[in-house]
Protein backbone atom coordinates (compact mmCIF):
# COMPACT_ATOMS: atom_id res chain seq x y z
CA MET A 1 -8.27 29.82 1.87
CA PHE A 2 -5.84 28.08 3.89
CA LYS A 3 -2.85 26.37 1.28
CA GLU A 4 -2.02 23.14 3.12
CA TYR A 5 -2.87 19.72 1.30
CA LEU A 6 -5.50 17.05 2.60
CA GLY A 7 -3.78 14.26 4.83
CA GLU A 8 -6.04 10.98 3.86
CA PHE A 9 -7.29 10.88 7.19
CA GLU A 10 -8.11 14.16 7.15
CA GLU A 11 -9.43 13.74 3.40
CA LEU A 12 -11.66 10.94 4.76
CA VAL A 13 -13.33 13.43 7.80
CA LEU A 14 -13.74 15.73 5.98
CA LEU A 15 -15.91 14.14 2.88
CA ILE A 16 -18.09 12.43 6.61
CA ILE A 17 -18.70 15.77 7.62
CA ALA A 18 -19.68 16.98 3.63
CA LYS A 19 -22.03 13.61 3.50
CA HIS A 20 -24.35 14.28 6.58
CA GLU A 21 -23.83 18.09 6.31
CA ASP A 22 -24.60 20.74 9.74
CA GLN A 23 -25.65 17.36 11.48
CA SER A 24 -21.60 15.52 11.89
CA TYR A 25 -20.25 15.43 15.37
CA GLY A 26 -17.48 12.95 16.61
CA LEU A 27 -19.09 9.56 17.57
CA LEU A 28 -20.93 9.79 14.48
CA ILE A 29 -17.77 10.35 12.32
CA CYS A 30 -15.98 7.21 14.01
CA ASP A 31 -18.77 5.44 13.27
CA GLU A 32 -18.67 5.85 9.54
CA ILE A 33 -14.91 5.27 9.28
CA HIS A 34 -15.98 2.41 10.52
CA GLU A 35 -18.80 1.63 8.24
CA GLU A 36 -16.70 3.09 5.21
CA THR A 37 -13.58 1.36 5.30
CA GLY A 38 -13.36 -0.73 7.98
CA ARG A 39 -10.59 0.85 9.93
CA ARG A 40 -11.24 1.72 13.68
CA ALA A 41 -10.74 5.47 14.70
CA THR A 42 -10.37 6.53 18.26
CA ILE A 43 -12.27 9.77 19.61
CA GLY A 44 -9.14 11.82 20.03
CA ALA A 45 -7.81 11.30 16.41
CA VAL A 46 -11.20 12.18 15.37
CA HIS A 47 -11.02 15.61 17.56
CA ALA A 48 -7.49 16.16 16.44
CA THR A 49 -8.21 16.24 13.05
CA VAL A 50 -11.52 18.56 13.39
CA VAL A 51 -9.46 20.88 15.25
CA ARG A 52 -7.22 20.69 12.75
CA LEU A 53 -9.76 21.25 9.98
CA GLU A 54 -11.12 23.93 11.84
CA LYS A 55 -7.45 25.92 11.89
CA LYS A 56 -7.55 25.36 8.54
CA GLY A 57 -10.85 27.04 7.22
CA LEU A 58 -12.25 24.32 5.98
CA ILE A 59 -14.73 23.00 8.50
CA GLU A 60 -17.01 25.20 11.41
CA THR A 61 -18.46 24.12 14.85
CA ASP A 62 -21.34 24.83 16.92
CA MET A 63 -22.13 23.30 20.35
CA GLY A 64 -25.61 21.87 19.88
CA GLY A 65 -28.53 22.06 22.86
CA ALA A 66 -27.98 19.26 25.71
CA THR A 67 -29.69 16.68 25.65
CA ASN A 68 -31.28 13.42 28.14
CA GLU A 69 -29.77 11.68 26.15
CA ARG A 70 -26.35 12.32 26.04
CA GLY A 71 -26.96 12.71 30.20
CA GLY A 72 -27.60 16.61 29.45
CA ARG A 73 -24.82 16.81 28.27
CA ARG A 74 -23.98 19.08 24.42
CA LYS A 75 -23.19 17.86 20.64
CA ARG A 76 -19.96 19.75 19.04
CA LEU A 77 -21.68 19.92 15.43
CA ILE A 78 -19.67 20.23 12.52
CA ARG A 79 -20.09 21.31 8.83
CA ILE A 80 -18.03 21.95 6.10
CA THR A 81 -17.15 25.59 4.51
CA ASP A 82 -16.69 26.94 1.17
CA ALA A 83 -13.25 26.71 1.65
CA GLY A 84 -13.61 23.05 2.79
CA LYS A 85 -16.14 21.88 0.05
CA GLN A 86 -13.26 23.84 -2.57
CA SER A 87 -10.88 21.69 -1.07
CA LEU A 88 -12.04 18.57 -1.22
CA LEU A 89 -13.41 19.20 -5.33
CA LYS A 90 -9.39 19.83 -5.75
CA SER A 91 -8.02 16.92 -4.43
CA ARG A 92 -10.80 14.72 -6.20
CA ASP A 93 -9.85 16.39 -9.28
CA MET A 94 -6.28 15.61 -8.78
CA LYS A 95 -6.70 12.00 -7.79
CA VAL A 96 -8.87 11.31 -11.22
CA ASN A 97 -6.09 13.41 -13.51
CA LEU A 98 -3.49 10.86 -12.10
CA TRP A 99 -5.88 8.04 -12.51
CA GLN A 100 -6.69 8.52 -16.45
CA LYS A 101 -2.79 9.15 -16.59
CA ILE A 102 -2.48 5.79 -15.71
CA PRO A 103 -1.91 2.84 -18.63
CA ASP A 104 -4.42 0.18 -17.90
CA LEU A 105 -2.16 -2.43 -18.72
CA MET A 106 0.01 -1.09 -15.29
CA ILE A 107 -3.24 -1.66 -13.18
CA SER A 108 -4.43 -4.96 -14.40
CA LYS A 109 -6.43 -7.28 -11.93
CA THR A 110 -4.66 -10.51 -11.22
């Protein structure tokens, strides 16, 4: 496994890929980022992140079949690898551990 920490955007993209199993693709990820966070992500930013995650071994991609609705073009389908799942679990556990160490008075709602 590639031993590098996930950036915040990389983690977000990886979480969305995990959510949709092997049916993720660039535009779906852009739409989901907006739906879940209210942020806009460009298709270029998502594709660059997909390339980085693939180089890290956290995802794999394949070309899907051509469809009429896409003008005969094929989708690049993305799925999370076991290393990607482990990376997400490690990131979650680290954050939960840190949150549990913050005294309640430090983060009170105002």
